[in-house]
């Protein structure tokens, strides 16, 4: 995991308290699968700018809901400028989004999907 990864345990715990542990695991799995699909669609490069904006908006919101702050912040940056970015810049930012998601997914699998380990920040 890179040293810049940040996770807001309090946000995650609040959501978990509302959902319960069984539902939390299910919702986290759905988030990971949906976000992987969204990132793959962005990477394919076939979306319009407005469709790309909708995809990163969804990633931003969902990531923030779970406390995955780096992923959410990066999606916010892309969402704000996606319609005016040069194609090469957009491609680079989507690559950064992929890396951030991969780190997030690994963190979730290592720390959140295994209740015996507990999360670390």
PDB file of N, CA and C in Angstrom:
ATOM      1  N   UNK A   1       0.850  -1.180   0.000  1.00  0.00           N
ATOM      2  CA  UNK A   1       0.000   0.000   0.000  1.00  0.00           C
ATOM      3  C   UNK A   1       0.887   1.232   0.000  1.00  0.00           C
ATOM      4  N   UNK A   2       0.521   2.222  -0.796  1.00  0.00           N
ATOM      5  CA  UNK A   2       1.350   3.416  -0.812  1.00  0.00           C
ATOM      6  C   UNK A   2       1.105   4.239   0.448  1.00  0.00           C
ATOM      7  N   UNK A   3       2.058   5.067   0.782  1.00  0.00           N
ATOM      8  CA  UNK A   3       1.996   5.842   2.008  1.00  0.00           C
ATOM      9  C   UNK A   3       0.927   6.920   2.003  1.00  0.00           C
ATOM     10  N   UNK A   4       0.342   7.223   0.849  1.00  0.00           N
ATOM     11  CA  UNK A   4      -0.660   8.271   0.761  1.00  0.00           C
ATOM     12  C   UNK A   4      -2.079   7.763   0.981  1.00  0.00           C
ATOM     13  N   UNK A   5      -2.254   6.461   1.161  1.00  0.00           N
ATOM     14  CA  UNK A   5      -3.587   5.899   1.305  1.00  0.00           C
ATOM     15  C   UNK A   5      -4.222   6.391   2.594  1.00  0.00           C
ATOM     16  N   UNK A   6      -5.460   6.852   2.497  1.00  0.00           N
ATOM     17  CA  UNK A   6      -6.162   7.267   3.713  1.00  0.00           C
ATOM     18  C   UNK A   6      -7.546   6.638   3.734  1.00  0.00           C
ATOM     19  N   UNK A   7      -7.914   6.204   4.920  1.00  0.00           N
ATOM     20  CA  UNK A   7      -9.181   5.535   5.156  1.00  0.00           C
ATOM     21  C   UNK A   7      -9.784   6.143   6.406  1.00  0.00           C
ATOM     22  N   UNK A   8     -11.036   6.542   6.328  1.00  0.00           N
ATOM     23  CA  UNK A   8     -11.714   7.135   7.474  1.00  0.00           C
ATOM     24  C   UNK A   8     -12.511   6.052   8.189  1.00  0.00           C
ATOM     25  N   UNK A   9     -11.905   5.498   9.213  1.00  0.00           N
ATOM     26  CA  UNK A   9     -12.517   4.405   9.966  1.00  0.00           C
ATOM     27  C   UNK A   9     -13.861   4.810  10.560  1.00  0.00           C
ATOM     28  N   UNK A  10     -13.976   6.049  11.018  1.00  0.00           N
ATOM     29  CA  UNK A  10     -15.224   6.506  11.637  1.00  0.00           C
ATOM     30  C   UNK A  10     -16.375   6.476  10.635  1.00  0.00           C
ATOM     31  N   UNK A  11     -16.132   6.877   9.406  1.00  0.00           N
ATOM     32  CA  UNK A  11     -17.167   6.844   8.372  1.00  0.00           C
ATOM     33  C   UNK A  11     -17.583   5.400   8.115  1.00  0.00           C
ATOM     34  N   UNK A  12     -16.605   4.531   7.990  1.00  0.00           N
ATOM     35  CA  UNK A  12     -16.890   3.120   7.751  1.00  0.00           C
ATOM     36  C   UNK A  12     -17.680   2.513   8.910  1.00  0.00           C
ATOM     37  N   UNK A  13     -17.250   2.808  10.125  1.00  0.00           N
ATOM     38  CA  UNK A  13     -17.924   2.274  11.310  1.00  0.00           C
ATOM     39  C   UNK A  13     -19.362   2.769  11.421  1.00  0.00           C
ATOM     40  N   UNK A  14     -19.592   4.031  11.075  1.00  0.00           N
ATOM     41  CA  UNK A  14     -20.945   4.582  11.116  1.00  0.00           C
ATOM     42  C   UNK A  14     -21.857   3.854  10.133  1.00  0.00           C
ATOM     43  N   UNK A  15     -21.359   3.631   8.935  1.00  0.00           N
ATOM     44  CA  UNK A  15     -22.147   2.894   7.950  1.00  0.00           C
ATOM     45  C   UNK A  15     -22.400   1.466   8.438  1.00  0.00           C
ATOM     46  N   UNK A  16     -21.367   0.845   9.000  1.00  0.00           N
ATOM     47  CA  UNK A  16     -21.512  -0.504   9.518  1.00  0.00           C
ATOM     48  C   UNK A  16     -22.527  -0.595  10.644  1.00  0.00           C
ATOM     49  N   UNK A  17     -22.576   0.423  11.486  1.00  0.00           N
ATOM     50  CA  UNK A  17     -23.547   0.441  12.578  1.00  0.00           C
ATOM     51  C   UNK A  17     -24.974   0.534  12.035  1.00  0.00           C
ATOM     52  N   UNK A  18     -25.146   1.255  10.945  1.00  0.00           N
ATOM     53  CA  UNK A  18     -26.469   1.386  10.337  1.00  0.00           C
ATOM     54  C   UNK A  18     -26.906   0.106   9.631  1.00  0.00           C
ATOM     55  N   UNK A  19     -25.947  -0.574   8.992  1.00  0.00           N
ATOM     56  CA  UNK A  19     -26.281  -1.736   8.166  1.00  0.00           C
ATOM     57  C   UNK A  19     -26.204  -3.068   8.903  1.00  0.00           C
ATOM     58  N   UNK A  20     -25.314  -3.172   9.864  1.00  0.00           N
ATOM     59  CA  UNK A  20     -25.028  -4.461  10.484  1.00  0.00           C
ATOM     60  C   UNK A  20     -23.929  -5.159   9.711  1.00  0.00           C
ATOM     61  N   UNK A  21     -23.240  -6.084  10.347  1.00  0.00           N
ATOM     62  CA  UNK A  21     -22.039  -6.672   9.744  1.00  0.00           C
ATOM     63  C   UNK A  21     -22.324  -7.495   8.491  1.00  0.00           C
ATOM     64  N   UNK A  22     -23.391  -8.276   8.481  1.00  0.00           N
ATOM     65  CA  UNK A  22     -23.684  -9.103   7.305  1.00  0.00           C
ATOM     66  C   UNK A  22     -24.014  -8.231   6.094  1.00  0.00           C
ATOM     67  N   UNK A  23     -24.873  -7.244   6.285  1.00  0.00           N
ATOM     68  CA  UNK A  23     -25.221  -6.354   5.178  1.00  0.00           C
ATOM     69  C   UNK A  23     -24.032  -5.499   4.762  1.00  0.00           C
ATOM     70  N   UNK A  24     -23.205  -5.114   5.727  1.00  0.00           N
ATOM     71  CA  UNK A  24     -22.032  -4.306   5.409  1.00  0.00           C
ATOM     72  C   UNK A  24     -21.096  -5.065   4.473  1.00  0.00           C
ATOM     73  N   UNK A  25     -20.864  -6.327   4.749  1.00  0.00           N
ATOM     74  CA  UNK A  25     -19.986  -7.130   3.887  1.00  0.00           C
ATOM     75  C   UNK A  25     -20.575  -7.236   2.479  1.00  0.00           C
ATOM     76  N   UNK A  26     -21.885  -7.423   2.395  1.00  0.00           N
ATOM     77  CA  UNK A  26     -22.533  -7.526   1.093  1.00  0.00           C
ATOM     78  C   UNK A  26     -22.435  -6.205   0.326  1.00  0.00           C
ATOM     79  N   UNK A  27     -22.704  -5.101   1.005  1.00  0.00           N
ATOM     80  CA  UNK A  27     -22.655  -3.790   0.360  1.00  0.00           C
ATOM     81  C   UNK A  27     -21.219  -3.455  -0.069  1.00  0.00           C
ATOM     82  N   UNK A  28     -20.247  -3.811   0.744  1.00  0.00           N
ATOM     83  CA  UNK A  28     -18.850  -3.570   0.372  1.00  0.00           C
ATOM     84  C   UNK A  28     -18.481  -4.383  -0.862  1.00  0.00           C
ATOM     85  N   UNK A  29     -18.917  -5.623  -0.929  1.00  0.00           N
ATOM     86  CA  UNK A  29     -18.659  -6.446  -2.116  1.00  0.00           C
ATOM     87  C   UNK A  29     -19.283  -5.832  -3.356  1.00  0.00           C
ATOM     88  N   UNK A  30     -20.498  -5.328  -3.235  1.00  0.00           N
ATOM     89  CA  UNK A  30     -21.166  -4.680  -4.372  1.00  0.00           C
ATOM     90  C   UNK A  30     -20.389  -3.433  -4.789  1.00  0.00           C
ATOM     91  N   UNK A  31     -19.959  -2.624  -3.809  1.00  0.00           N
ATOM     92  CA  UNK A  31     -19.158  -1.436  -4.125  1.00  0.00           C
ATOM     93  C   UNK A  31     -17.905  -1.821  -4.902  1.00  0.00           C
ATOM     94  N   UNK A  32     -17.185  -2.828  -4.440  1.00  0.00           N
ATOM     95  CA  UNK A  32     -15.937  -3.228  -5.106  1.00  0.00           C
ATOM     96  C   UNK A  32     -16.206  -3.707  -6.527  1.00  0.00           C
ATOM     97  N   UNK A  33     -17.249  -4.502  -6.721  1.00  0.00           N
ATOM     98  CA  UNK A  33     -17.578  -4.999  -8.063  1.00  0.00           C
ATOM     99  C   UNK A  33     -18.050  -3.866  -8.981  1.00  0.00           C
ATOM    100  N   UNK A  34     -18.944  -3.028  -8.483  1.00  0.00           N
ATOM    101  CA  UNK A  34     -19.454  -1.924  -9.293  1.00  0.00           C
ATOM    102  C   UNK A  34     -18.351  -0.941  -9.667  1.00  0.00           C
ATOM    103  N   UNK A  35     -17.492  -0.630  -8.711  1.00  0.00           N
ATOM    104  CA  UNK A  35     -16.416   0.326  -8.983  1.00  0.00           C
ATOM    105  C   UNK A  35     -15.417  -0.260  -9.970  1.00  0.00           C
ATOM    106  N   UNK A  36     -15.123  -1.543  -9.861  1.00  0.00           N
ATOM    107  CA  UNK A  36     -14.241  -2.184 -10.845  1.00  0.00           C
ATOM    108  C   UNK A  36     -14.836  -2.059 -12.244  1.00  0.00           C
ATOM    109  N   UNK A  37     -16.140  -2.271 -12.362  1.00  0.00           N
ATOM    110  CA  UNK A  37     -16.805  -2.125 -13.661  1.00  0.00           C
ATOM    111  C   UNK A  37     -16.748  -0.688 -14.158  1.00  0.00           C
ATOM    112  N   UNK A  38     -16.976   0.266 -13.267  1.00  0.00           N
ATOM    113  CA  UNK A  38     -16.945   1.681 -13.666  1.00  0.00           C
ATOM    114  C   UNK A  38     -15.551   2.083 -14.149  1.00  0.00           C
ATOM    115  N   UNK A  39     -14.533   1.669 -13.424  1.00  0.00           N
ATOM    116  CA  UNK A  39     -13.161   2.002 -13.818  1.00  0.00           C
ATOM    117  C   UNK A  39     -12.833   1.355 -15.165  1.00  0.00           C
ATOM    118  N   UNK A  40     -13.262   0.119 -15.356  1.00  0.00           N
ATOM    119  CA  UNK A  40     -13.012  -0.554 -16.633  1.00  0.00           C
ATOM    120  C   UNK A  40     -13.690   0.185 -17.789  1.00  0.00           C
ATOM    121  N   UNK A  41     -14.910   0.662 -17.577  1.00  0.00           N
ATOM    122  CA  UNK A  41     -15.589   1.436 -18.628  1.00  0.00           C
ATOM    123  C   UNK A  41     -14.830   2.729 -18.931  1.00  0.00           C
ATOM    124  N   UNK A  42     -14.336   3.375 -17.885  1.00  0.00           N
ATOM    125  CA  UNK A  42     -13.553   4.599 -18.098  1.00  0.00           C
ATOM    126  C   UNK A  42     -12.268   4.290 -18.856  1.00  0.00           C
ATOM    127  N   UNK A  43     -11.610   3.204 -18.497  1.00  0.00           N
ATOM    128  CA  UNK A  43     -10.353   2.828 -19.152  1.00  0.00           C
ATOM    129  C   UNK A  43     -10.552   2.468 -20.624  1.00  0.00           C
ATOM    130  N   UNK A  44     -11.711   1.936 -20.962  1.00  0.00           N
ATOM    131  CA  UNK A  44     -11.966   1.537 -22.351  1.00  0.00           C
ATOM    132  C   UNK A  44     -11.931   2.734 -23.301  1.00  0.00           C
ATOM    133  N   UNK A  45     -12.239   3.919 -22.770  1.00  0.00           N
ATOM    134  CA  UNK A  45     -12.124   5.131 -23.573  1.00  0.00           C
ATOM    135  C   UNK A  45     -13.249   5.361 -24.570  1.00  0.00           C
ATOM    136  N   UNK A  46     -14.345   4.650 -24.428  1.00  0.00           N
ATOM    137  CA  UNK A  46     -15.443   4.790 -25.378  1.00  0.00           C
ATOM    138  C   UNK A  46     -16.574   5.672 -24.879  1.00  0.00           C
ATOM    139  N   UNK A  47     -16.459   6.170 -23.668  1.00  0.00           N
ATOM    140  CA  UNK A  47     -17.529   6.985 -23.084  1.00  0.00           C
ATOM    141  C   UNK A  47     -17.426   8.429 -23.543  1.00  0.00           C
ATOM    142  N   UNK A  48     -18.565   9.072 -23.636  1.00  0.00           N
ATOM    143  CA  UNK A  48     -18.551  10.516 -23.861  1.00  0.00           C
ATOM    144  C   UNK A  48     -18.022  11.184 -22.595  1.00  0.00           C
ATOM    145  N   UNK A  49     -17.702  12.436 -22.691  1.00  0.00           N
ATOM    146  CA  UNK A  49     -17.230  13.156 -21.507  1.00  0.00           C
ATOM    147  C   UNK A  49     -18.314  13.217 -20.439  1.00  0.00           C
ATOM    148  N   UNK A  50     -19.552  13.418 -20.837  1.00  0.00           N
ATOM    149  CA  UNK A  50     -20.623  13.483 -19.843  1.00  0.00           C
ATOM    150  C   UNK A  50     -20.847  12.119 -19.187  1.00  0.00           C
ATOM    151  N   UNK A  51     -20.721  11.034 -19.939  1.00  0.00           N
ATOM    152  CA  UNK A  51     -20.842   9.694 -19.349  1.00  0.00           C
ATOM    153  C   UNK A  51     -19.671   9.422 -18.413  1.00  0.00           C
ATOM    154  N   UNK A  52     -18.495   9.872 -18.785  1.00  0.00           N
ATOM    155  CA  UNK A  52     -17.323   9.719 -17.908  1.00  0.00           C
ATOM    156  C   UNK A  52     -17.536  10.489 -16.612  1.00  0.00           C
ATOM    157  N   UNK A  53     -18.107  11.660 -16.738  1.00  0.00           N
ATOM    158  CA  UNK A  53     -18.381  12.469 -15.544  1.00  0.00           C
ATOM    159  C   UNK A  53     -19.351  11.748 -14.618  1.00  0.00           C
ATOM    160  N   UNK A  54     -20.366  11.123 -15.173  1.00  0.00           N
ATOM    161  CA  UNK A  54     -21.325  10.367 -14.345  1.00  0.00           C
ATOM    162  C   UNK A  54     -20.644   9.186 -13.652  1.00  0.00           C
ATOM    163  N   UNK A  55     -19.761   8.501 -14.349  1.00  0.00           N
ATOM    164  CA  UNK A  55     -19.056   7.361 -13.752  1.00  0.00           C
ATOM    165  C   UNK A  55     -18.176   7.810 -12.581  1.00  0.00           C
ATOM    166  N   UNK A  56     -17.400   8.874 -12.772  1.00  0.00           N
ATOM    167  CA  UNK A  56     -16.533   9.309 -11.667  1.00  0.00           C
ATOM    168  C   UNK A  56     -17.351   9.922 -10.536  1.00  0.00           C
ATOM    169  N   UNK A  57     -18.491  10.510 -10.859  1.00  0.00           N
ATOM    170  CA  UNK A  57     -19.374  11.025  -9.810  1.00  0.00           C
ATOM    171  C   UNK A  57     -19.848   9.880  -8.914  1.00  0.00           C
ATOM    172  N   UNK A  58     -20.234   8.785  -9.516  1.00  0.00           N
ATOM    173  CA  UNK A  58     -20.675   7.626  -8.742  1.00  0.00           C
ATOM    174  C   UNK A  58     -19.549   7.048  -7.901  1.00  0.00           C
ATOM    175  N   UNK A  59     -18.357   6.984  -8.473  1.00  0.00           N
ATOM    176  CA  UNK A  59     -17.196   6.485  -7.726  1.00  0.00           C
ATOM    177  C   UNK A  59     -16.917   7.400  -6.544  1.00  0.00           C
ATOM    178  N   UNK A  60     -16.951   8.702  -6.794  1.00  0.00           N
ATOM    179  CA  UNK A  60     -16.702   9.689  -5.734  1.00  0.00           C
ATOM    180  C   UNK A  60     -17.647   9.500  -4.566  1.00  0.00           C
ATOM    181  N   UNK A  61     -18.915   9.408  -4.862  1.00  0.00           N
ATOM    182  CA  UNK A  61     -19.923   9.316  -3.811  1.00  0.00           C
ATOM    183  C   UNK A  61     -19.828   8.003  -3.046  1.00  0.00           C
ATOM    184  N   UNK A  62     -19.712   6.914  -3.766  1.00  0.00           N
ATOM    185  CA  UNK A  62     -19.642   5.608  -3.119  1.00  0.00           C
ATOM    186  C   UNK A  62     -18.388   5.464  -2.275  1.00  0.00           C
ATOM    187  N   UNK A  63     -17.261   5.902  -2.802  1.00  0.00           N
ATOM    188  CA  UNK A  63     -16.004   5.799  -2.051  1.00  0.00           C
ATOM    189  C   UNK A  63     -16.088   6.604  -0.760  1.00  0.00           C
ATOM    190  N   UNK A  64     -16.653   7.794  -0.821  1.00  0.00           N
ATOM    191  CA  UNK A  64     -16.795   8.633   0.379  1.00  0.00           C
ATOM    192  C   UNK A  64     -17.708   7.967   1.397  1.00  0.00           C
ATOM    193  N   UNK A  65     -18.740   7.294   0.940  1.00  0.00           N
ATOM    194  CA  UNK A  65     -19.677   6.616   1.833  1.00  0.00           C
ATOM    195  C   UNK A  65     -18.974   5.561   2.680  1.00  0.00           C
ATOM    196  N   UNK A  66     -17.962   4.920   2.107  1.00  0.00           N
ATOM    197  CA  UNK A  66     -17.218   3.881   2.823  1.00  0.00           C
ATOM    198  C   UNK A  66     -16.001   4.416   3.569  1.00  0.00           C
ATOM    199  N   UNK A  67     -15.653   5.674   3.356  1.00  0.00           N
ATOM    200  CA  UNK A  67     -14.481   6.239   4.015  1.00  0.00           C
ATOM    201  C   UNK A  67     -13.195   6.088   3.216  1.00  0.00           C
ATOM    202  N   UNK A  68     -13.308   5.752   1.935  1.00  0.00           N
ATOM    203  CA  UNK A  68     -12.132   5.606   1.078  1.00  0.00           C
ATOM    204  C   UNK A  68     -11.795   6.980   0.486  1.00  0.00           C
ATOM    205  N   UNK A  69     -11.089   7.767   1.270  1.00  0.00           N
ATOM    206  CA  UNK A  69     -10.929   9.185   0.985  1.00  0.00           C
ATOM    207  C   UNK A  69     -10.062   9.487  -0.235  1.00  0.00           C
ATOM    208  N   UNK A  70      -8.979   8.736  -0.441  1.00  0.00           N
ATOM    209  CA  UNK A  70      -8.126   9.005  -1.598  1.00  0.00           C
ATOM    210  C   UNK A  70      -8.872   8.771  -2.904  1.00  0.00           C
ATOM    211  N   UNK A  71      -9.587   7.671  -2.970  1.00  0.00           N
ATOM    212  CA  UNK A  71     -10.353   7.360  -4.177  1.00  0.00           C
ATOM    213  C   UNK A  71     -11.415   8.428  -4.426  1.00  0.00           C
ATOM    214  N   UNK A  72     -12.089   8.835  -3.375  1.00  0.00           N
ATOM    215  CA  UNK A  72     -13.113   9.866  -3.510  1.00  0.00           C
ATOM    216  C   UNK A  72     -12.508  11.197  -3.968  1.00  0.00           C
ATOM    217  N   UNK A  73     -11.401  11.613  -3.364  1.00  0.00           N
ATOM    218  CA  UNK A  73     -10.761  12.884  -3.743  1.00  0.00           C
ATOM    219  C   UNK A  73     -10.315  12.876  -5.198  1.00  0.00           C
ATOM    220  N   UNK A  74      -9.737  11.780  -5.638  1.00  0.00           N
ATOM    221  CA  UNK A  74      -9.291  11.697  -7.022  1.00  0.00           C
ATOM    222  C   UNK A  74     -10.487  11.770  -7.977  1.00  0.00           C
ATOM    223  N   UNK A  75     -11.563  11.085  -7.630  1.00  0.00           N
ATOM    224  CA  UNK A  75     -12.764  11.152  -8.465  1.00  0.00           C
ATOM    225  C   UNK A  75     -13.338  12.569  -8.503  1.00  0.00           C
ATOM    226  N   UNK A  76     -13.282  13.275  -7.372  1.00  0.00           N
ATOM    227  CA  UNK A  76     -13.733  14.673  -7.335  1.00  0.00           C
ATOM    228  C   UNK A  76     -12.927  15.516  -8.318  1.00  0.00           C
ATOM    229  N   UNK A  77     -11.609  15.342  -8.317  1.00  0.00           N
ATOM    230  CA  UNK A  77     -10.729  16.107  -9.214  1.00  0.00           C
ATOM    231  C   UNK A  77     -11.058  15.824 -10.677  1.00  0.00           C
ATOM    232  N   UNK A  78     -11.253  14.555 -10.987  1.00  0.00           N
ATOM    233  CA  UNK A  78     -11.564  14.191 -12.376  1.00  0.00           C
ATOM    234  C   UNK A  78     -12.936  14.729 -12.770  1.00  0.00           C
ATOM    235  N   UNK A  79     -13.909  14.556 -11.894  1.00  0.00           N
ATOM    236  CA  UNK A  79     -15.264  15.027 -12.190  1.00  0.00           C
ATOM    237  C   UNK A  79     -15.283  16.523 -12.497  1.00  0.00           C
ATOM    238  N   UNK A  80     -14.522  17.286 -11.750  1.00  0.00           N
ATOM    239  CA  UNK A  80     -14.510  18.742 -11.915  1.00  0.00           C
ATOM    240  C   UNK A  80     -13.929  19.191 -13.254  1.00  0.00           C
ATOM    241  N   UNK A  81     -13.034  18.373 -13.827  1.00  0.00           N
ATOM    242  CA  UNK A  81     -12.336  18.822 -15.030  1.00  0.00           C
ATOM    243  C   UNK A  81     -12.504  17.905 -16.232  1.00  0.00           C
ATOM    244  N   UNK A  82     -13.268  16.829 -16.103  1.00  0.00           N
ATOM    245  CA  UNK A  82     -13.336  15.829 -17.165  1.00  0.00           C
ATOM    246  C   UNK A  82     -13.772  16.411 -18.503  1.00  0.00           C
ATOM    247  N   UNK A  83     -14.648  17.358 -18.497  1.00  0.00           N
ATOM    248  CA  UNK A  83     -15.174  17.876 -19.758  1.00  0.00           C
ATOM    249  C   UNK A  83     -14.194  18.777 -20.502  1.00  0.00           C
ATOM    250  N   UNK A  84     -13.162  19.266 -19.816  1.00  0.00           N
ATOM    251  CA  UNK A  84     -12.211  20.171 -20.466  1.00  0.00           C
ATOM    252  C   UNK A  84     -10.790  19.621 -20.538  1.00  0.00           C
ATOM    253  N   UNK A  85     -10.538  18.462 -19.947  1.00  0.00           N
ATOM    254  CA  UNK A  85      -9.186  17.884 -19.962  1.00  0.00           C
ATOM    255  C   UNK A  85      -8.784  17.464 -21.365  1.00  0.00           C
ATOM    256  N   UNK A  86      -7.502  17.625 -21.639  1.00  0.00           N
ATOM    257  CA  UNK A  86      -6.961  17.072 -22.875  1.00  0.00           C
ATOM    258  C   UNK A  86      -7.074  15.550 -22.794  1.00  0.00           C
ATOM    259  N   UNK A  87      -7.268  14.889 -23.925  1.00  0.00           N
ATOM    260  CA  UNK A  87      -7.418  13.430 -23.899  1.00  0.00           C
ATOM    261  C   UNK A  87      -6.280  12.702 -23.173  1.00  0.00           C
ATOM    262  N   UNK A  88      -5.050  13.130 -23.388  1.00  0.00           N
ATOM    263  CA  UNK A  88      -3.919  12.469 -22.730  1.00  0.00           C
ATOM    264  C   UNK A  88      -3.964  12.679 -21.212  1.00  0.00           C
ATOM    265  N   UNK A  89      -4.386  13.841 -20.792  1.00  0.00           N
ATOM    266  CA  UNK A  89      -4.504  14.128 -19.361  1.00  0.00           C
ATOM    267  C   UNK A  89      -5.604  13.278 -18.744  1.00  0.00           C
ATOM    268  N   UNK A  90      -6.722  13.170 -19.436  1.00  0.00           N
ATOM    269  CA  UNK A  90      -7.812  12.344 -18.940  1.00  0.00           C
ATOM    270  C   UNK A  90      -7.364  10.887 -18.829  1.00  0.00           C
ATOM    271  N   UNK A  91      -6.687  10.403 -19.822  1.00  0.00           N
ATOM    272  CA  UNK A  91      -6.187   9.029 -19.782  1.00  0.00           C
ATOM    273  C   UNK A  91      -5.250   8.822 -18.590  1.00  0.00           C
ATOM    274  N   UNK A  92      -4.384   9.779 -18.340  1.00  0.00           N
ATOM    275  CA  UNK A  92      -3.464   9.702 -17.210  1.00  0.00           C
ATOM    276  C   UNK A  92      -4.224   9.706 -15.878  1.00  0.00           C
ATOM    277  N   UNK A  93      -5.223  10.548 -15.767  1.00  0.00           N
ATOM    278  CA  UNK A  93      -6.010  10.629 -14.525  1.00  0.00           C
ATOM    279  C   UNK A  93      -6.813   9.346 -14.298  1.00  0.00           C
ATOM    280  N   UNK A  94      -7.292   8.739 -15.372  1.00  0.00           N
ATOM    281  CA  UNK A  94      -8.005   7.471 -15.243  1.00  0.00           C
ATOM    282  C   UNK A  94      -7.043   6.370 -14.806  1.00  0.00           C
ATOM    283  N   UNK A  95      -5.810   6.405 -15.290  1.00  0.00           N
ATOM    284  CA  UNK A  95      -4.792   5.450 -14.814  1.00  0.00           C
ATOM    285  C   UNK A  95      -4.548   5.645 -13.320  1.00  0.00           C
ATOM    286  N   UNK A  96      -4.512   6.892 -12.880  1.00  0.00           N
ATOM    287  CA  UNK A  96      -4.363   7.176 -11.447  1.00  0.00           C
ATOM    288  C   UNK A  96      -5.560   6.665 -10.663  1.00  0.00           C
ATOM    289  N   UNK A  97      -6.744   6.818 -11.235  1.00  0.00           N
ATOM    290  CA  UNK A  97      -7.955   6.320 -10.598  1.00  0.00           C
ATOM    291  C   UNK A  97      -7.894   4.797 -10.458  1.00  0.00           C
ATOM    292  N   UNK A  98      -7.411   4.116 -11.489  1.00  0.00           N
ATOM    293  CA  UNK A  98      -7.251   2.655 -11.439  1.00  0.00           C
ATOM    294  C   UNK A  98      -6.312   2.264 -10.293  1.00  0.00           C
ATOM    295  N   UNK A  99      -5.184   2.943 -10.200  1.00  0.00           N
ATOM    296  CA  UNK A  99      -4.230   2.624  -9.125  1.00  0.00           C
ATOM    297  C   UNK A  99      -4.847   2.864  -7.755  1.00  0.00           C
ATOM    298  N   UNK A 100      -5.569   3.963  -7.614  1.00  0.00           N
ATOM    299  CA  UNK A 100      -6.220   4.269  -6.338  1.00  0.00           C
ATOM    300  C   UNK A 100      -7.275   3.220  -6.014  1.00  0.00           C
ATOM    301  N   UNK A 101      -8.032   2.795  -7.015  1.00  0.00           N
ATOM    302  CA  UNK A 101      -9.032   1.765  -6.771  1.00  0.00           C
ATOM    303  C   UNK A 101      -8.373   0.435  -6.413  1.00  0.00           C
ATOM    304  N   UNK A 102      -7.304   0.081  -7.104  1.00  0.00           N
ATOM    305  CA  UNK A 102      -6.616  -1.170  -6.791  1.00  0.00           C
ATOM    306  C   UNK A 102      -6.105  -1.163  -5.353  1.00  0.00           C
ATOM    307  N   UNK A 103      -5.567  -0.039  -4.900  1.00  0.00           N
ATOM    308  CA  UNK A 103      -5.114   0.082  -3.510  1.00  0.00           C
ATOM    309  C   UNK A 103      -6.292  -0.022  -2.543  1.00  0.00           C
ATOM    310  N   UNK A 104      -7.382   0.623  -2.899  1.00  0.00           N
ATOM    311  CA  UNK A 104      -8.583   0.584  -2.068  1.00  0.00           C
ATOM    312  C   UNK A 104      -9.119  -0.836  -1.966  1.00  0.00           C
ATOM    313  N   UNK A 105      -9.209  -1.502  -3.091  1.00  0.00           N
ATOM    314  CA  UNK A 105      -9.718  -2.874  -3.099  1.00  0.00           C
ATOM    315  C   UNK A 105      -8.833  -3.783  -2.253  1.00  0.00           C
ATOM    316  N   UNK A 106      -7.524  -3.638  -2.402  1.00  0.00           N
ATOM    317  CA  UNK A 106      -6.617  -4.482  -1.624  1.00  0.00           C
ATOM    318  C   UNK A 106      -6.756  -4.201  -0.136  1.00  0.00           C
ATOM    319  N   UNK A 107      -6.871  -2.939   0.220  1.00  0.00           N
ATOM    320  CA  UNK A 107      -7.076  -2.569   1.616  1.00  0.00           C
ATOM    321  C   UNK A 107      -8.362  -3.200   2.147  1.00  0.00           C
ATOM    322  N   UNK A 108      -9.428  -3.107   1.367  1.00  0.00           N
ATOM    323  CA  UNK A 108     -10.711  -3.663   1.798  1.00  0.00           C
ATOM    324  C   UNK A 108     -10.615  -5.173   1.981  1.00  0.00           C
ATOM    325  N   UNK A 109      -9.987  -5.839   1.048  1.00  0.00           N
ATOM    326  CA  UNK A 109      -9.857  -7.292   1.149  1.00  0.00           C
ATOM    327  C   UNK A 109      -8.990  -7.695   2.342  1.00  0.00           C
ATOM    328  N   UNK A 110      -7.927  -6.972   2.561  1.00  0.00           N
ATOM    329  CA  UNK A 110      -6.994  -7.303   3.646  1.00  0.00           C
ATOM    330  C   UNK A 110      -7.522  -6.934   5.024  1.00  0.00           C
ATOM    331  N   UNK A 111      -8.290  -5.858   5.113  1.00  0.00           N
ATOM    332  CA  UNK A 111      -8.629  -5.296   6.417  1.00  0.00           C
ATOM    333  C   UNK A 111     -10.109  -5.266   6.762  1.00  0.00           C
ATOM    334  N   UNK A 112     -10.959  -5.260   5.780  1.00  0.00           N
ATOM    335  CA  UNK A 112     -12.382  -5.093   6.050  1.00  0.00           C
ATOM    336  C   UNK A 112     -13.193  -6.350   5.783  1.00  0.00           C
ATOM    337  N   UNK A 113     -12.733  -7.168   4.887  1.00  0.00           N
ATOM    338  CA  UNK A 113     -13.472  -8.380   4.546  1.00  0.00           C
ATOM    339  C   UNK A 113     -13.149  -9.525   5.499  1.00  0.00           C
ATOM    340  N   UNK A 114     -12.126  -9.358   6.299  1.00  0.00           N
ATOM    341  CA  UNK A 114     -11.739 -10.373   7.273  1.00  0.00           C
ATOM    342  C   UNK A 114     -11.959  -9.775   8.655  1.00  0.00           C
ATOM    343  N   UNK A 115     -13.087 -10.054   9.288  1.00  0.00           N
ATOM    344  CA  UNK A 115     -13.420  -9.402  10.546  1.00  0.00           C
ATOM    345  C   UNK A 115     -12.434  -9.695  11.681  1.00  0.00           C
ATOM    346  N   UNK A 116     -11.650 -10.758  11.586  1.00  0.00           N
ATOM    347  CA  UNK A 116     -10.691 -11.078  12.638  1.00  0.00           C
ATOM    348  C   UNK A 116      -9.505 -10.121  12.663  1.00  0.00           C
ATOM    349  N   UNK A 117      -9.233  -9.472  11.517  1.00  0.00           N
ATOM    350  CA  UNK A 117      -8.056  -8.605  11.418  1.00  0.00           C
ATOM    351  C   UNK A 117      -8.349  -7.182  11.842  1.00  0.00           C
ATOM    352  N   UNK A 118      -9.527  -6.664  11.509  1.00  0.00           N
ATOM    353  CA  UNK A 118      -9.841  -5.259  11.841  1.00  0.00           C
ATOM    354  C   UNK A 118      -9.099  -4.318  10.917  1.00  0.00           C
ATOM    355  N   UNK A 119      -9.614  -3.139  10.757  1.00  0.00           N
ATOM    356  CA  UNK A 119      -9.009  -2.142   9.884  1.00  0.00           C
ATOM    357  C   UNK A 119      -7.900  -1.408  10.600  1.00  0.00           C
ATOM    358  N   UNK A 120      -6.940  -0.966   9.823  1.00  0.00           N
ATOM    359  CA  UNK A 120      -5.874  -0.108  10.326  1.00  0.00           C
ATOM    360  C   UNK A 120      -5.803   1.117   9.462  1.00  0.00           C
ATOM    361  N   UNK A 121      -5.477   2.234  10.052  1.00  0.00           N
ATOM    362  CA  UNK A 121      -5.397   3.466   9.244  1.00  0.00           C
ATOM    363  C   UNK A 121      -3.978   3.947   9.177  1.00  0.00           C
TER     364      UNK A 121
END
